[in-house]
Protein backbone atom coordinates (compact mmCIF):
# COMPACT_ATOMS: atom_id res chain seq x y z
CA UNK A 1 20.03 5.37 -37.86
CA UNK A 2 18.05 6.27 -34.76
CA UNK A 3 17.66 9.61 -33.01
CA UNK A 4 19.74 9.27 -29.85
CA UNK A 5 17.40 11.25 -27.60
CA UNK A 6 14.48 9.06 -28.65
CA UNK A 7 16.13 5.97 -27.15
CA UNK A 8 15.43 4.89 -23.59
CA UNK A 9 18.53 3.84 -21.63
CA UNK A 10 17.43 0.21 -22.03
CA UNK A 11 17.18 0.56 -25.81
CA UNK A 12 20.51 2.35 -25.90
CA UNK A 13 22.10 -0.43 -23.81
CA UNK A 14 20.98 -2.99 -26.36
CA UNK A 15 22.41 -0.92 -29.18
CA UNK A 16 25.74 -0.28 -27.43
CA UNK A 17 26.11 -3.73 -25.95
CA UNK A 18 25.94 -2.89 -22.26
CA UNK A 19 23.98 -1.10 -19.56
CA UNK A 20 27.08 0.65 -18.26
CA UNK A 21 27.81 2.12 -21.66
CA UNK A 22 24.28 3.44 -21.99
CA UNK A 23 24.40 5.01 -18.54
CA UNK A 24 27.72 6.63 -19.36
CA UNK A 25 26.23 8.20 -22.48
CA UNK A 26 23.24 9.52 -20.57
CA UNK A 27 25.48 10.79 -17.79
CA UNK A 28 27.51 12.73 -20.36
CA UNK A 29 24.40 14.25 -21.91
CA UNK A 30 23.04 15.29 -18.51
CA UNK A 31 26.35 17.03 -17.87
CA UNK A 32 25.95 19.00 -21.08
CA UNK A 33 28.59 17.07 -23.04
CA UNK A 34 28.39 15.90 -26.64
CA UNK A 35 28.48 12.08 -26.41
CA UNK A 36 29.60 11.82 -30.03
CA UNK A 37 32.79 13.72 -29.14
CA UNK A 38 33.22 13.28 -25.38
CA UNK A 39 36.69 11.83 -24.67
CA UNK A 40 35.29 10.49 -21.41
CA UNK A 41 33.51 7.82 -23.45
CA UNK A 42 35.49 5.01 -25.03
CA UNK A 43 36.28 5.09 -28.73
CA UNK A 44 34.16 1.99 -29.45
CA UNK A 45 31.15 3.61 -27.78
CA UNK A 46 31.55 6.82 -29.74
CA UNK A 47 32.08 4.91 -32.97
CA UNK A 48 28.94 2.86 -32.41
CA UNK A 49 26.96 6.01 -31.56
CA UNK A 50 28.07 7.64 -34.81
CA UNK A 51 27.31 4.53 -36.83
CA UNK A 52 23.84 3.85 -35.45
CA UNK A 53 22.44 7.08 -34.00
CA UNK A 54 22.30 10.77 -34.79
CA UNK A 55 22.00 13.88 -32.62
CA UNK A 56 18.83 15.95 -32.48
CA UNK A 57 19.69 19.04 -34.51
CA UNK A 58 18.53 22.24 -32.90
CA UNK A 59 20.04 25.38 -31.46
CA UNK A 60 18.86 28.32 -29.38
CA UNK A 61 18.12 31.25 -31.68
CA UNK A 62 17.15 33.68 -28.91
CA UNK A 63 16.33 33.96 -25.22
CA UNK A 64 13.69 36.23 -23.76
CA UNK A 65 13.76 36.62 -19.98
CA UNK A 66 10.87 38.21 -18.10
CA UNK A 67 11.21 40.19 -14.88
CA UNK A 68 9.97 37.19 -12.88
CA UNK A 69 12.74 35.02 -14.31
CA UNK A 70 10.54 33.12 -16.75
CA UNK A 71 12.70 32.32 -19.78
CA UNK A 72 11.47 31.68 -23.30
CA UNK A 73 13.80 29.82 -25.64
CA UNK A 74 13.28 30.00 -29.38
CA UNK A 75 14.74 26.86 -30.92
CA UNK A 76 15.57 26.16 -34.55
CA UNK A 77 14.94 22.55 -35.54
CA UNK A 78 15.79 20.46 -38.57
CA UNK A 79 14.27 21.93 -41.71
CA UNK A 80 14.52 25.40 -40.15
CA UNK A 81 11.26 24.92 -38.27
CA UNK A 82 11.05 26.90 -35.05
CA UNK A 83 9.42 26.27 -31.69
CA UNK A 84 9.37 27.96 -28.32
CA UNK A 85 10.02 26.37 -24.94
CA UNK A 86 9.32 28.13 -21.64
CA UNK A 87 11.17 27.69 -18.35
CA UNK A 88 9.18 28.84 -15.31
CA UNK A 89 11.22 29.06 -12.11
CA UNK A 90 10.00 29.15 -8.54
CA UNK A 91 12.06 29.21 -5.36
CA UNK A 92 12.97 25.54 -5.30
CA UNK A 93 12.18 24.16 -8.74
CA UNK A 94 11.66 24.99 -12.38
CA UNK A 95 8.81 23.87 -14.60
CA UNK A 96 9.55 23.46 -18.29
CA UNK A 97 6.70 23.94 -20.76
CA UNK A 98 7.50 21.91 -23.88
CA UNK A 99 6.12 22.07 -27.39
CA UNK A 100 4.98 18.95 -29.23
CA UNK A 101 4.48 20.51 -32.66
CA UNK A 102 5.74 23.47 -34.63
CA UNK A 103 2.54 25.46 -34.86
CA UNK A 104 -0.86 23.88 -34.26
CA UNK A 105 -3.87 22.83 -36.33
CA UNK A 106 -6.52 23.26 -33.63
CA UNK A 107 -7.25 26.92 -34.34
CA UNK A 108 -8.14 28.12 -30.83
CA UNK A 109 -9.26 31.73 -31.30
CA UNK A 110 -7.57 32.97 -28.10
CA UNK A 111 -4.14 31.43 -28.84
CA UNK A 112 -1.38 32.99 -30.91
CA UNK A 113 0.10 29.61 -31.84
CA UNK A 114 -3.05 29.01 -33.92
CA UNK A 115 -2.04 31.85 -36.24
CA UNK A 116 0.93 29.75 -37.42
CA UNK A 117 -1.12 26.79 -38.61
CA UNK A 118 0.53 23.40 -38.31
CA UNK A 119 4.05 23.09 -39.70
CA UNK A 120 4.95 19.62 -38.42
CA UNK A 121 4.94 17.37 -35.39
CA UNK A 122 8.10 17.09 -33.34
CA UNK A 123 10.07 13.90 -32.94
CA UNK A 124 10.40 12.25 -29.54
CA UNK A 125 14.02 13.40 -29.46
CA UNK A 126 13.02 17.00 -30.13
CA UNK A 127 10.61 16.84 -27.19
CA UNK A 128 13.16 15.25 -24.84
CA UNK A 129 15.79 17.69 -26.10
CA UNK A 130 13.78 20.65 -24.84
CA UNK A 131 13.87 19.24 -21.30
CA UNK A 132 17.55 18.34 -21.53
CA UNK A 133 18.34 21.85 -22.74
CA UNK A 134 16.29 23.33 -19.90
CA UNK A 135 18.29 21.29 -17.39
CA UNK A 136 21.45 23.00 -18.63
CA UNK A 137 20.20 26.51 -17.91
CA UNK A 138 22.53 27.11 -14.97
CA UNK A 139 20.79 30.22 -13.61
CA UNK A 140 17.56 28.34 -12.85
CA UNK A 141 16.60 25.92 -10.06
CA UNK A 142 16.49 22.23 -10.94
CA UNK A 143 13.83 20.97 -13.34
CA UNK A 144 11.15 19.11 -11.40
CA UNK A 145 8.01 19.49 -13.51
CA UNK A 146 7.32 19.12 -17.22
CA UNK A 147 4.09 20.34 -18.78
CA UNK A 148 3.08 19.53 -22.35
CA UNK A 149 1.44 22.92 -22.75
CA UNK A 150 3.62 24.64 -25.34
CA UNK A 151 3.02 24.80 -29.07
CA UNK A 152 0.85 22.10 -30.57
CA UNK A 153 -1.76 19.56 -29.54
CA UNK A 154 -0.09 16.55 -27.84
CA UNK A 155 -2.80 14.08 -28.90
CA UNK A 156 -2.16 14.99 -32.54
CA UNK A 157 1.41 13.71 -32.08
CA UNK A 158 0.77 10.98 -29.56
CA UNK A 159 3.35 8.42 -30.68
CA UNK A 160 6.20 10.90 -30.23
CA UNK A 161 4.72 12.14 -26.95
CA UNK A 162 4.40 8.58 -25.62
CA UNK A 163 8.02 7.78 -26.48
CA UNK A 164 9.29 11.03 -25.01
CA UNK A 165 7.48 10.33 -21.73
CA UNK A 166 9.18 6.92 -21.56
CA UNK A 167 12.58 8.55 -21.93
CA UNK A 168 11.82 11.37 -19.51
CA UNK A 169 10.68 8.97 -16.79
CA UNK A 170 13.39 6.33 -17.14
CA UNK A 171 15.38 6.16 -13.86
CA UNK A 172 18.62 5.84 -15.84
CA UNK A 173 17.70 8.76 -18.09
CA UNK A 174 16.15 12.03 -16.99
CA UNK A 175 14.47 10.27 -14.04
CA UNK A 176 11.41 12.52 -13.79
CA UNK A 177 8.44 11.30 -11.78
CA UNK A 178 5.34 10.62 -13.89
CA UNK A 179 3.19 12.57 -11.44
CA UNK A 180 5.36 15.60 -12.20
CA UNK A 181 4.44 15.49 -15.89
CA UNK A 182 1.18 17.01 -17.13
CA UNK A 183 -0.25 16.61 -20.61
CA UNK A 184 -2.70 19.32 -21.67
CA UNK A 185 -5.13 18.65 -24.50
CA UNK A 186 -8.28 20.13 -26.00
CA UNK A 187 -9.58 16.56 -26.06
CA UNK A 188 -9.39 15.95 -29.78
CA UNK A 189 -11.51 12.77 -29.97
CA UNK A 190 -12.80 10.21 -27.47
CA UNK A 191 -10.54 7.59 -29.05
CA UNK A 192 -7.45 9.77 -28.68
CA UNK A 193 -8.26 10.46 -25.02
CA UNK A 194 -8.62 6.73 -24.32
CA UNK A 195 -5.34 6.10 -26.14
CA UNK A 196 -3.53 7.86 -23.26
CA UNK A 197 -4.42 5.05 -20.85
CA UNK A 198 -0.85 3.75 -20.90
CA UNK A 199 0.63 7.16 -20.10
CA UNK A 200 1.26 7.50 -16.34
CA UNK A 201 1.02 11.29 -16.44
CA UNK A 202 -1.44 13.87 -15.17
CA UNK A 203 -4.08 15.08 -17.64
CA UNK A 204 -5.34 18.61 -18.17
CA UNK A 205 -8.38 19.30 -20.35
CA UNK A 206 -8.45 22.68 -22.09
CA UNK A 207 -12.22 22.96 -21.98
CA UNK A 208 -12.97 26.70 -22.03
CA UNK A 209 -16.72 26.22 -22.54
CA UNK A 210 -19.32 23.55 -21.80
CA UNK A 211 -21.90 24.61 -24.39
CA UNK A 212 -21.03 22.91 -27.69
CA UNK A 213 -21.85 25.91 -29.87
CA UNK A 214 -19.68 28.25 -27.81
CA UNK A 215 -16.86 25.72 -27.60
CA UNK A 216 -16.82 25.34 -31.38
CA UNK A 217 -16.53 29.11 -31.64
CA UNK A 218 -13.49 29.03 -29.37
CA UNK A 219 -11.98 25.80 -30.72
CA UNK A 220 -13.36 25.66 -34.29
CA UNK A 221 -11.82 22.29 -35.17
CA UNK A 222 -13.85 20.41 -32.57
CA UNK A 223 -16.09 17.73 -34.05
CA UNK A 224 -17.18 15.92 -30.88
CA UNK A 225 -19.59 17.03 -28.20
CA UNK A 226 -18.28 17.98 -24.79
CA UNK A 227 -20.40 15.18 -23.30
CA UNK A 228 -18.73 12.51 -25.44
CA UNK A 229 -15.29 13.87 -24.59
CA UNK A 230 -16.21 14.01 -20.91
CA UNK A 231 -17.23 10.35 -20.97
CA UNK A 232 -13.87 9.44 -22.49
CA UNK A 233 -12.04 11.26 -19.70
CA UNK A 234 -14.25 9.56 -17.09
CA UNK A 235 -13.49 6.14 -18.59
CA UNK A 236 -9.80 6.89 -18.87
CA UNK A 237 -9.55 7.99 -15.24
CA UNK A 238 -11.58 5.02 -13.99
CA UNK A 239 -9.17 2.65 -15.71
CA UNK A 240 -5.87 4.41 -15.07
CA UNK A 241 -6.56 6.43 -11.91
CA UNK A 242 -5.31 9.92 -11.21
CA UNK A 243 -7.09 13.23 -11.29
CA UNK A 244 -8.03 15.70 -14.00
CA UNK A 245 -7.24 19.38 -14.31
CA UNK A 246 -9.83 21.39 -16.23
CA UNK A 247 -8.52 24.60 -17.78
CA UNK A 248 -10.80 27.53 -18.51
CA UNK A 249 -9.35 30.49 -20.41
CA UNK A 250 -11.71 33.28 -19.42
CA UNK A 251 -12.50 36.02 -21.94
CA UNK A 252 -14.35 39.22 -21.23
CA UNK A 253 -18.02 38.84 -22.11
CA UNK A 254 -17.49 35.48 -23.83
CA UNK A 255 -17.40 32.67 -21.26
CA UNK A 256 -16.95 34.36 -17.88
CA UNK A 257 -20.52 34.90 -16.63
CA UNK A 258 -21.92 33.17 -13.56
CA UNK A 259 -24.25 31.09 -15.72
CA UNK A 260 -21.13 29.72 -17.43
CA UNK A 261 -19.82 28.78 -13.99
CA UNK A 262 -23.12 27.06 -13.18
CA UNK A 263 -22.94 25.10 -16.44
CA UNK A 264 -19.41 24.01 -15.57
CA UNK A 265 -20.43 22.89 -12.07
CA UNK A 266 -23.16 20.66 -13.47
CA UNK A 267 -20.93 19.38 -16.26
CA UNK A 268 -18.14 18.31 -13.91
CA UNK A 269 -20.38 16.38 -11.53
CA UNK A 270 -19.31 12.94 -12.90
CA UNK A 271 -15.69 13.72 -11.99
CA UNK A 272 -16.10 15.02 -8.46
CA UNK A 273 -13.97 14.99 -6.37
CA UNK A 274 -11.19 13.98 -8.79
CA UNK A 275 -11.24 17.23 -10.76
CA UNK A 276 -9.47 20.54 -10.25
CA UNK A 277 -10.31 23.68 -12.15
CA UNK A 278 -7.71 26.21 -13.25
CA UNK A 279 -9.00 29.60 -14.36
CA UNK A 280 -6.71 31.43 -16.78
CA UNK A 281 -7.63 35.02 -17.65
CA UNK A 282 -6.76 35.27 -21.33
CA UNK A 283 -3.30 36.65 -22.06
CA UNK A 284 -2.91 39.44 -24.57
CA UNK A 285 -2.34 38.59 -28.20
CA UNK A 286 -5.41 37.91 -30.31
CA UNK A 287 -7.31 40.92 -31.60
CA UNK A 288 -10.93 41.36 -30.57
CA UNK A 289 -10.64 39.34 -27.35
CA UNK A 290 -9.69 40.51 -23.88
CA UNK A 291 -9.05 38.99 -20.49
CA UNK A 292 -11.93 38.80 -18.07
CA UNK A 293 -11.78 41.53 -15.42
CA UNK A 294 -10.40 40.34 -12.11
CA UNK A 295 -13.68 40.79 -10.17
CA UNK A 296 -15.46 38.55 -12.64
CA UNK A 297 -12.73 35.92 -12.48
CA UNK A 298 -12.90 35.91 -8.68
CA UNK A 299 -16.69 35.66 -8.76
CA UNK A 300 -16.42 32.70 -11.13
CA UNK A 301 -13.94 31.03 -8.77
CA UNK A 302 -16.12 31.66 -5.74
CA UNK A 303 -19.16 30.18 -7.47
CA UNK A 304 -17.24 26.95 -8.07
CA UNK A 305 -15.82 26.87 -4.57
CA UNK A 306 -19.24 27.41 -3.04
CA UNK A 307 -20.31 24.20 -4.77
CA UNK A 308 -17.35 22.28 -3.41
CA UNK A 309 -15.06 22.32 -6.44
CA UNK A 310 -11.33 22.84 -6.10
CA UNK A 311 -10.60 25.95 -8.14
CA UNK A 312 -7.57 28.22 -8.51
CA UNK A 313 -6.71 31.25 -10.63
CA UNK A 314 -3.49 30.73 -12.53
CA UNK A 315 -1.46 33.89 -12.48
CA UNK A 316 0.38 34.57 -15.75
CA UNK A 317 4.16 34.26 -15.85
CA UNK A 318 6.37 35.83 -18.47
CA UNK A 319 3.78 38.04 -20.16
CA UNK A 320 6.27 40.78 -21.08
CA UNK A 321 8.44 38.14 -22.78
CA UNK A 322 5.42 36.75 -24.67
CA UNK A 323 5.99 33.51 -22.78
CA UNK A 324 2.60 33.07 -21.09
CA UNK A 325 -0.17 30.63 -22.05
CA UNK A 326 -1.47 31.31 -25.54
CA UNK A 327 1.37 33.67 -26.44
CA UNK A 328 3.82 31.29 -28.13
CA UNK A 329 4.17 31.98 -31.85
CA UNK A 330 6.81 32.44 -34.49
CA UNK A 331 5.89 35.56 -36.44
């Protein structure tokens, strides 16, 4: 038995004995129908589905909708594990922020997900299912972007992430463009970074600090120097192309001084001009830490821009629904 949502249309066609049958199943799922029960599919197709595949078991336990329209879905998975998925609408499109694990083992001190610890990695079908569910939210614009920035560390569950990307990008499946998918990672190990060479997605590095001692304070599970991780990203980009987003969660009095900006400028020199920096003032949640004041964030941005780096400040979405970066947790 195979999880249906973990099968690409090509794999499903082989299982069902025909491309047309596979496309019909995917068409039904995209329309929000249950392919195991849909009378629009032939009896032989439904019988073969039941005999050889199984549905991804999860349901929406609650919805939290912020004033801006950002929607957080709390999903119950098999084994009663819970995750949160965030839908971020703009005028013409919606971005869905998916989780790759229930909880997380990385322990980032500014992130609420870290307080859960790691419960388990998600299956490829559970990852794809979050996007499929988001596509059915009728009150939102069409899904155009997917970001692996929810609960969990994607590189700690890379096999499932790799398979989910294949399904998401298949033209006969969800048909998302690879350049519209971003994978965010703390950069667990150089080997894990290089293992993403076959993934045609955008990469984002949750860096937060250049100095190794400070970075280990912020991400206490790190065992590799920032220089060794940087080299892995450089090698990965040189082989696979694309650009890199560097994410800096700025905390008041921790990593937001101008000398931190200067360290970052020097550190990113090997990437220029293929790097973009996103500054994220820390969102509320963890005790003892606070967001950098806006003047300091702007000064940090200006320092980087003065040295020719592309730098933006990411404005939080969904804070009042606890749906912003670093706020996802099941308490």
